[in-house]
Structure formats: structure tokens, C-alpha cells
Amino acid sequence: MLKTIERIEITDITASTVLSISYEALREVIEALCLMEGYKVYSHEAFTAYLIALKEESIAASFDRFRKLRNGINYYG
């Protein structure tokens, strides 16, 4: 996924796609970390809670902002 993102020129037309793909890649990495610790995550908000539990508040805040941007793109255009 990340190799694909690196090849896409970011323009007004591609920016939302790049953001959505980037978010999914990041979410998959966090999900893998959760699974390695035995957690099964059922909501995107739970990833933020997981990061907070790891004392990664700054990363959690950035991830949650990224999640909200992605939701706006996916659900509201």
C-alpha cells in the first residue's frame, strides 16, 4: 500500500484518495500491534484508546484527527 501511495502525485483530485489509503495503512499497522498483544479491535475509535493506553497521547490525537478526516471523505464526500 505504501509503495502505491509514494507513486501518486498529490493534487486536489488525488488528495482524498491518498489520505484514505494512508489512514488504512496506518490502521492496519496499529491493528497488527493489537493482535500481537491479544486484542481484537471492533471499532476505529478503539485504536485511539489503545494508543492512549500505551501512553502515546500525541500519536493517539493525530490518529484520531486522521480518522475523522478519512470519515469525512468516505461518508460525506
PDB file of N, CA and C in Angstrom:
ATOM      1  N   MET A   1       0.809  -1.186   0.000  1.00  0.00           N
ATOM      2  CA  MET A   1       0.000   0.000   0.000  1.00  0.00           C
ATOM      3  C   MET A   1       0.862   1.264   0.000  1.00  0.00           C
ATOM      4  N   LEU A   2       1.873   1.274   0.840  1.00  0.00           N
ATOM      5  CA  LEU A   2       2.695   2.478   0.950  1.00  0.00           C
ATOM      6  C   LEU A   2       3.471   2.761  -0.330  1.00  0.00           C
ATOM      7  N   LYS A   3       3.897   1.712  -1.025  1.00  0.00           N
ATOM      8  CA  LYS A   3       4.597   1.905  -2.303  1.00  0.00           C
ATOM      9  C   LYS A   3       3.676   2.589  -3.307  1.00  0.00           C
ATOM     10  N   THR A   4       2.407   2.214  -3.291  1.00  0.00           N
ATOM     11  CA  THR A   4       1.428   2.828  -4.186  1.00  0.00           C
ATOM     12  C   THR A   4       1.264   4.301  -3.862  1.00  0.00           C
ATOM     13  N   ILE A   5       1.161   4.612  -2.591  1.00  0.00           N
ATOM     14  CA  ILE A   5       0.972   5.999  -2.162  1.00  0.00           C
ATOM     15  C   ILE A   5       2.150   6.869  -2.595  1.00  0.00           C
ATOM     16  N   GLU A   6       3.355   6.331  -2.464  1.00  0.00           N
ATOM     17  CA  GLU A   6       4.547   7.096  -2.822  1.00  0.00           C
ATOM     18  C   GLU A   6       4.567   7.478  -4.298  1.00  0.00           C
ATOM     19  N   ARG A   7       3.909   6.709  -5.128  1.00  0.00           N
ATOM     20  CA  ARG A   7       3.925   6.952  -6.576  1.00  0.00           C
ATOM     21  C   ARG A   7       2.841   7.920  -7.039  1.00  0.00           C
ATOM     22  N   ILE A   8       1.895   8.214  -6.185  1.00  0.00           N
ATOM     23  CA  ILE A   8       0.786   9.083  -6.572  1.00  0.00           C
ATOM     24  C   ILE A   8       1.156  10.538  -6.301  1.00  0.00           C
ATOM     25  N   GLU A   9       1.051  11.357  -7.329  1.00  0.00           N
ATOM     26  CA  GLU A   9       1.267  12.789  -7.147  1.00  0.00           C
ATOM     27  C   GLU A   9       0.051  13.358  -6.416  1.00  0.00           C
ATOM     28  N   ILE A  10       0.296  14.114  -5.359  1.00  0.00           N
ATOM     29  CA  ILE A  10      -0.806  14.668  -4.579  1.00  0.00           C
ATOM     30  C   ILE A  10      -1.293  15.952  -5.243  1.00  0.00           C
ATOM     31  N   THR A  11      -2.553  15.907  -5.655  1.00  0.00           N
ATOM     32  CA  THR A  11      -3.219  17.050  -6.280  1.00  0.00           C
ATOM     33  C   THR A  11      -4.580  17.201  -5.612  1.00  0.00           C
ATOM     34  N   ASP A  12      -5.327  18.205  -6.010  1.00  0.00           N
ATOM     35  CA  ASP A  12      -6.689  18.365  -5.490  1.00  0.00           C
ATOM     36  C   ASP A  12      -7.538  17.134  -5.790  1.00  0.00           C
ATOM     37  N   ILE A  13      -7.257  16.484  -6.899  1.00  0.00           N
ATOM     38  CA  ILE A  13      -8.041  15.313  -7.304  1.00  0.00           C
ATOM     39  C   ILE A  13      -7.642  14.067  -6.523  1.00  0.00           C
ATOM     40  N   THR A  14      -6.349  13.897  -6.240  1.00  0.00           N
ATOM     41  CA  THR A  14      -5.880  12.661  -5.605  1.00  0.00           C
ATOM     42  C   THR A  14      -5.743  12.743  -4.087  1.00  0.00           C
ATOM     43  N   ALA A  15      -5.790  13.932  -3.519  1.00  0.00           N
ATOM     44  CA  ALA A  15      -5.511  14.105  -2.085  1.00  0.00           C
ATOM     45  C   ALA A  15      -6.404  13.246  -1.197  1.00  0.00           C
ATOM     46  N   SER A  16      -7.692  13.194  -1.477  1.00  0.00           N
ATOM     47  CA  SER A  16      -8.592  12.414  -0.619  1.00  0.00           C
ATOM     48  C   SER A  16      -8.298  10.925  -0.718  1.00  0.00           C
ATOM     49  N   THR A  17      -7.938  10.444  -1.893  1.00  0.00           N
ATOM     50  CA  THR A  17      -7.594   9.032  -2.058  1.00  0.00           C
ATOM     51  C   THR A  17      -6.315   8.704  -1.307  1.00  0.00           C
ATOM     52  N   VAL A  18      -5.321   9.562  -1.412  1.00  0.00           N
ATOM     53  CA  VAL A  18      -4.058   9.350  -0.706  1.00  0.00           C
ATOM     54  C   VAL A  18      -4.295   9.335   0.799  1.00  0.00           C
ATOM     55  N   LEU A  19      -5.108  10.246   1.298  1.00  0.00           N
ATOM     56  CA  LEU A  19      -5.404  10.283   2.726  1.00  0.00           C
ATOM     57  C   LEU A  19      -6.097   8.998   3.170  1.00  0.00           C
ATOM     58  N   SER A  20      -7.083   8.535   2.425  1.00  0.00           N
ATOM     59  CA  SER A  20      -7.812   7.317   2.787  1.00  0.00           C
ATOM     60  C   SER A  20      -6.901   6.097   2.784  1.00  0.00           C
ATOM     61  N   ILE A  21      -6.064   5.970   1.767  1.00  0.00           N
ATOM     62  CA  ILE A  21      -5.149   4.831   1.684  1.00  0.00           C
ATOM     63  C   ILE A  21      -4.122   4.898   2.810  1.00  0.00           C
ATOM     64  N   SER A  22      -3.614   6.083   3.091  1.00  0.00           N
ATOM     65  CA  SER A  22      -2.633   6.251   4.170  1.00  0.00           C
ATOM     66  C   SER A  22      -3.238   5.891   5.517  1.00  0.00           C
ATOM     67  N   TYR A  23      -4.463   6.339   5.758  1.00  0.00           N
ATOM     68  CA  TYR A  23      -5.148   6.017   7.010  1.00  0.00           C
ATOM     69  C   TYR A  23      -5.293   4.503   7.154  1.00  0.00           C
ATOM     70  N   GLU A  24      -5.730   3.834   6.099  1.00  0.00           N
ATOM     71  CA  GLU A  24      -5.923   2.381   6.163  1.00  0.00           C
ATOM     72  C   GLU A  24      -4.611   1.660   6.442  1.00  0.00           C
ATOM     73  N   ALA A  25      -3.522   2.126   5.846  1.00  0.00           N
ATOM     74  CA  ALA A  25      -2.218   1.516   6.101  1.00  0.00           C
ATOM     75  C   ALA A  25      -1.824   1.679   7.566  1.00  0.00           C
ATOM     76  N   LEU A  26      -2.003   2.868   8.095  1.00  0.00           N
ATOM     77  CA  LEU A  26      -1.683   3.129   9.495  1.00  0.00           C
ATOM     78  C   LEU A  26      -2.577   2.310  10.422  1.00  0.00           C
ATOM     79  N   ARG A  27      -3.867   2.248  10.115  1.00  0.00           N
ATOM     80  CA  ARG A  27      -4.805   1.475  10.924  1.00  0.00           C
ATOM     81  C   ARG A  27      -4.420  -0.003  10.941  1.00  0.00           C
ATOM     82  N   GLU A  28      -3.989  -0.525   9.809  1.00  0.00           N
ATOM     83  CA  GLU A  28      -3.593  -1.930   9.745  1.00  0.00           C
ATOM     84  C   GLU A  28      -2.360  -2.208  10.596  1.00  0.00           C
ATOM     85  N   VAL A  29      -1.428  -1.269  10.641  1.00  0.00           N
ATOM     86  CA  VAL A  29      -0.245  -1.428  11.489  1.00  0.00           C
ATOM     87  C   VAL A  29      -0.657  -1.458  12.960  1.00  0.00           C
ATOM     88  N   ILE A  30      -1.524  -0.530  13.358  1.00  0.00           N
ATOM     89  CA  ILE A  30      -1.975  -0.494  14.753  1.00  0.00           C
ATOM     90  C   ILE A  30      -2.777  -1.754  15.076  1.00  0.00           C
ATOM     91  N   GLU A  31      -3.595  -2.215  14.138  1.00  0.00           N
ATOM     92  CA  GLU A  31      -4.361  -3.443  14.363  1.00  0.00           C
ATOM     93  C   GLU A  31      -3.427  -4.635  14.555  1.00  0.00           C
ATOM     94  N   ALA A  32      -2.349  -4.704  13.788  1.00  0.00           N
ATOM     95  CA  ALA A  32      -1.381  -5.788  13.948  1.00  0.00           C
ATOM     96  C   ALA A  32      -0.755  -5.754  15.339  1.00  0.00           C
ATOM     97  N   LEU A  33      -0.442  -4.555  15.830  1.00  0.00           N
ATOM     98  CA  LEU A  33       0.102  -4.428  17.186  1.00  0.00           C
ATOM     99  C   LEU A  33      -0.903  -4.923  18.221  1.00  0.00           C
ATOM    100  N   CYS A  34      -2.164  -4.560  18.031  1.00  0.00           N
ATOM    101  CA  CYS A  34      -3.217  -5.013  18.945  1.00  0.00           C
ATOM    102  C   CYS A  34      -3.313  -6.536  18.940  1.00  0.00           C
ATOM    103  N   LEU A  35      -3.327  -7.119  17.757  1.00  0.00           N
ATOM    104  CA  LEU A  35      -3.446  -8.573  17.636  1.00  0.00           C
ATOM    105  C   LEU A  35      -2.260  -9.284  18.276  1.00  0.00           C
ATOM    106  N   MET A  36      -1.074  -8.703  18.148  1.00  0.00           N
ATOM    107  CA  MET A  36       0.112  -9.301  18.771  1.00  0.00           C
ATOM    108  C   MET A  36      -0.019  -9.336  20.287  1.00  0.00           C
ATOM    109  N   GLU A  37      -0.780  -8.406  20.843  1.00  0.00           N
ATOM    110  CA  GLU A  37      -0.993  -8.370  22.287  1.00  0.00           C
ATOM    111  C   GLU A  37      -2.272  -9.082  22.699  1.00  0.00           C
ATOM    112  N   GLY A  38      -2.951  -9.702  21.730  1.00  0.00           N
ATOM    113  CA  GLY A  38      -4.141 -10.482  22.041  1.00  0.00           C
ATOM    114  C   GLY A  38      -5.448  -9.716  22.010  1.00  0.00           C
ATOM    115  N   TYR A  39      -5.434  -8.498  21.485  1.00  0.00           N
ATOM    116  CA  TYR A  39      -6.653  -7.692  21.417  1.00  0.00           C
ATOM    117  C   TYR A  39      -7.288  -7.792  20.035  1.00  0.00           C
ATOM    118  N   LYS A  40      -8.597  -7.941  19.998  1.00  0.00           N
ATOM    119  CA  LYS A  40      -9.358  -7.880  18.758  1.00  0.00           C
ATOM    120  C   LYS A  40     -10.130  -6.573  18.793  1.00  0.00           C
ATOM    121  N   VAL A  41      -9.899  -5.719  17.825  1.00  0.00           N
ATOM    122  CA  VAL A  41     -10.493  -4.385  17.807  1.00  0.00           C
ATOM    123  C   VAL A  41     -11.703  -4.382  16.884  1.00  0.00           C
ATOM    124  N   TYR A  42     -12.813  -3.833  17.387  1.00  0.00           N
ATOM    125  CA  TYR A  42     -14.058  -3.823  16.626  1.00  0.00           C
ATOM    126  C   TYR A  42     -14.491  -2.434  16.164  1.00  0.00           C
ATOM    127  N   SER A  43     -13.748  -1.395  16.532  1.00  0.00           N
ATOM    128  CA  SER A  43     -14.100  -0.053  16.068  1.00  0.00           C
ATOM    129  C   SER A  43     -12.828   0.762  15.878  1.00  0.00           C
ATOM    130  N   HIS A  44     -12.910   1.738  15.018  1.00  0.00           N
ATOM    131  CA  HIS A  44     -11.751   2.582  14.751  1.00  0.00           C
ATOM    132  C   HIS A  44     -11.413   3.442  15.962  1.00  0.00           C
ATOM    133  N   GLU A  45     -12.419   3.814  16.749  1.00  0.00           N
ATOM    134  CA  GLU A  45     -12.159   4.598  17.959  1.00  0.00           C
ATOM    135  C   GLU A  45     -11.319   3.811  18.959  1.00  0.00           C
ATOM    136  N   ALA A  46     -11.454   2.490  18.944  1.00  0.00           N
ATOM    137  CA  ALA A  46     -10.697   1.651  19.875  1.00  0.00           C
ATOM    138  C   ALA A  46      -9.196   1.723  19.602  1.00  0.00           C
ATOM    139  N   PHE A  47      -8.808   1.983  18.377  1.00  0.00           N
ATOM    140  CA  PHE A  47      -7.384   2.137  18.082  1.00  0.00           C
ATOM    141  C   PHE A  47      -6.824   3.354  18.814  1.00  0.00           C
ATOM    142  N   THR A  48      -7.600   4.419  18.864  1.00  0.00           N
ATOM    143  CA  THR A  48      -7.186   5.613  19.599  1.00  0.00           C
ATOM    144  C   THR A  48      -7.044   5.288  21.083  1.00  0.00           C
ATOM    145  N   ALA A  49      -8.007   4.563  21.628  1.00  0.00           N
ATOM    146  CA  ALA A  49      -7.947   4.171  23.042  1.00  0.00           C
ATOM    147  C   ALA A  49      -6.723   3.301  23.317  1.00  0.00           C
ATOM    148  N   TYR A  50      -6.413   2.420  22.396  1.00  0.00           N
ATOM    149  CA  TYR A  50      -5.233   1.557  22.533  1.00  0.00           C
ATOM    150  C   TYR A  50      -3.961   2.406  22.600  1.00  0.00           C
ATOM    151  N   LEU A  51      -3.848   3.378  21.718  1.00  0.00           N
ATOM    152  CA  LEU A  51      -2.667   4.247  21.719  1.00  0.00           C
ATOM    153  C   LEU A  51      -2.570   5.057  23.009  1.00  0.00           C
ATOM    154  N   ILE A  52      -3.697   5.509  23.522  1.00  0.00           N
ATOM    155  CA  ILE A  52      -3.704   6.235  24.798  1.00  0.00           C
ATOM    156  C   ILE A  52      -3.248   5.315  25.925  1.00  0.00           C
ATOM    157  N   ALA A  53      -3.714   4.062  25.908  1.00  0.00           N
ATOM    158  CA  ALA A  53      -3.300   3.093  26.931  1.00  0.00           C
ATOM    159  C   ALA A  53      -1.793   2.845  26.892  1.00  0.00           C
ATOM    160  N   LEU A  54      -1.198   3.001  25.722  1.00  0.00           N
ATOM    161  CA  LEU A  54       0.255   2.853  25.586  1.00  0.00           C
ATOM    162  C   LEU A  54       1.002   4.131  25.972  1.00  0.00           C
ATOM    163  N   LYS A  55       0.260   5.137  26.435  1.00  0.00           N
ATOM    164  CA  LYS A  55       0.829   6.439  26.814  1.00  0.00           C
ATOM    165  C   LYS A  55       1.363   7.193  25.599  1.00  0.00           C
ATOM    166  N   GLU A  56       0.724   6.982  24.469  1.00  0.00           N
ATOM    167  CA  GLU A  56       1.080   7.664  23.219  1.00  0.00           C
ATOM    168  C   GLU A  56      -0.013   8.673  22.873  1.00  0.00           C
ATOM    169  N   GLU A  57      -0.257   9.599  23.794  1.00  0.00           N
ATOM    170  CA  GLU A  57      -1.355  10.549  23.639  1.00  0.00           C
ATOM    171  C   GLU A  57      -1.230  11.403  22.381  1.00  0.00           C
ATOM    172  N   SER A  58      -0.029  11.854  22.081  1.00  0.00           N
ATOM    173  CA  SER A  58       0.173  12.693  20.903  1.00  0.00           C
ATOM    174  C   SER A  58      -0.128  11.916  19.620  1.00  0.00           C
ATOM    175  N   ILE A  59       0.358  10.693  19.552  1.00  0.00           N
ATOM    176  CA  ILE A  59       0.084   9.849  18.385  1.00  0.00           C
ATOM    177  C   ILE A  59      -1.401   9.535  18.318  1.00  0.00           C
ATOM    178  N   ALA A  60      -2.008   9.271  19.467  1.00  0.00           N
ATOM    179  CA  ALA A  60      -3.445   8.976  19.508  1.00  0.00           C
ATOM    180  C   ALA A  60      -4.252  10.159  18.988  1.00  0.00           C
ATOM    181  N   ALA A  61      -3.886  11.363  19.391  1.00  0.00           N
ATOM    182  CA  ALA A  61      -4.605  12.556  18.934  1.00  0.00           C
ATOM    183  C   ALA A  61      -4.452  12.743  17.427  1.00  0.00           C
ATOM    184  N   SER A  62      -3.251  12.531  16.920  1.00  0.00           N
ATOM    185  CA  SER A  62      -3.025  12.646  15.476  1.00  0.00           C
ATOM    186  C   SER A  62      -3.801  11.580  14.715  1.00  0.00           C
ATOM    187  N   PHE A  63      -3.775  10.350  15.231  1.00  0.00           N
ATOM    188  CA  PHE A  63      -4.506   9.265  14.572  1.00  0.00           C
ATOM    189  C   PHE A  63      -6.002   9.562  14.557  1.00  0.00           C
ATOM    190  N   ASP A  64      -6.533  10.062  15.668  1.00  0.00           N
ATOM    191  CA  ASP A  64      -7.968  10.340  15.737  1.00  0.00           C
ATOM    192  C   ASP A  64      -8.354  11.464  14.775  1.00  0.00           C
ATOM    193  N   ARG A  65      -7.503  12.458  14.647  1.00  0.00           N
ATOM    194  CA  ARG A  65      -7.760  13.540  13.680  1.00  0.00           C
ATOM    195  C   ARG A  65      -7.749  12.981  12.259  1.00  0.00           C
ATOM    196  N   PHE A  66      -6.791  12.130  11.977  1.00  0.00           N
ATOM    197  CA  PHE A  66      -6.681  11.462  10.684  1.00  0.00           C
ATOM    198  C   PHE A  66      -7.937  10.630  10.415  1.00  0.00           C
ATOM    199  N   ARG A  67      -8.418   9.922  11.456  1.00  0.00           N
ATOM    200  CA  ARG A  67      -9.631   9.097  11.342  1.00  0.00           C
ATOM    201  C   ARG A  67     -10.832   9.964  10.972  1.00  0.00           C
ATOM    202  N   LYS A  68     -10.954  11.106  11.628  1.00  0.00           N
ATOM    203  CA  LYS A  68     -12.091  11.991  11.360  1.00  0.00           C
ATOM    204  C   LYS A  68     -12.031  12.566   9.945  1.00  0.00           C
ATOM    205  N   LEU A  69     -10.851  12.922   9.493  1.00  0.00           N
ATOM    206  CA  LEU A  69     -10.703  13.405   8.118  1.00  0.00           C
ATOM    207  C   LEU A  69     -11.101  12.320   7.123  1.00  0.00           C
ATOM    208  N   ARG A  70     -10.631  11.111   7.366  1.00  0.00           N
ATOM    209  CA  ARG A  70     -10.946   9.985   6.490  1.00  0.00           C
ATOM    210  C   ARG A  70     -12.442   9.694   6.499  1.00  0.00           C
ATOM    211  N   ASN A  71     -13.069   9.757   7.677  1.00  0.00           N
ATOM    212  CA  ASN A  71     -14.519   9.537   7.753  1.00  0.00           C
ATOM    213  C   ASN A  71     -15.269  10.595   6.955  1.00  0.00           C
ATOM    214  N   GLY A  72     -14.831  11.833   7.052  1.00  0.00           N
ATOM    215  CA  GLY A  72     -15.458  12.896   6.279  1.00  0.00           C
ATOM    216  C   GLY A  72     -15.393  12.629   4.787  1.00  0.00           C
ATOM    217  N   ILE A  73     -14.259  12.142   4.340  1.00  0.00           N
ATOM    218  CA  ILE A  73     -14.088  11.815   2.921  1.00  0.00           C
ATOM    219  C   ILE A  73     -14.966  10.632   2.531  1.00  0.00           C
ATOM    220  N   ASN A  74     -14.906   9.564   3.323  1.00  0.00           N
ATOM    221  CA  ASN A  74     -15.616   8.328   2.959  1.00  0.00           C
ATOM    222  C   ASN A  74     -17.128   8.435   3.080  1.00  0.00           C
ATOM    223  N   TYR A  75     -17.611   9.210   4.048  1.00  0.00           N
ATOM    224  CA  TYR A  75     -19.053   9.230   4.302  1.00  0.00           C
ATOM    225  C   TYR A  75     -19.758  10.492   3.820  1.00  0.00           C
ATOM    226  N   TYR A  76     -19.005  11.572   3.650  1.00  0.00           N
ATOM    227  CA  TYR A  76     -19.648  12.835   3.288  1.00  0.00           C
ATOM    228  C   TYR A  76     -19.104  13.456   2.002  1.00  0.00           C
ATOM    229  N   GLY A  77     -18.081  12.814   1.443  1.00  0.00           N
ATOM    230  CA  GLY A  77     -17.533  13.289   0.163  1.00  0.00           C
ATOM    231  C   GLY A  77     -16.544  14.298   0.297  1.00  0.00           C
TER     232      GLY A  77
END
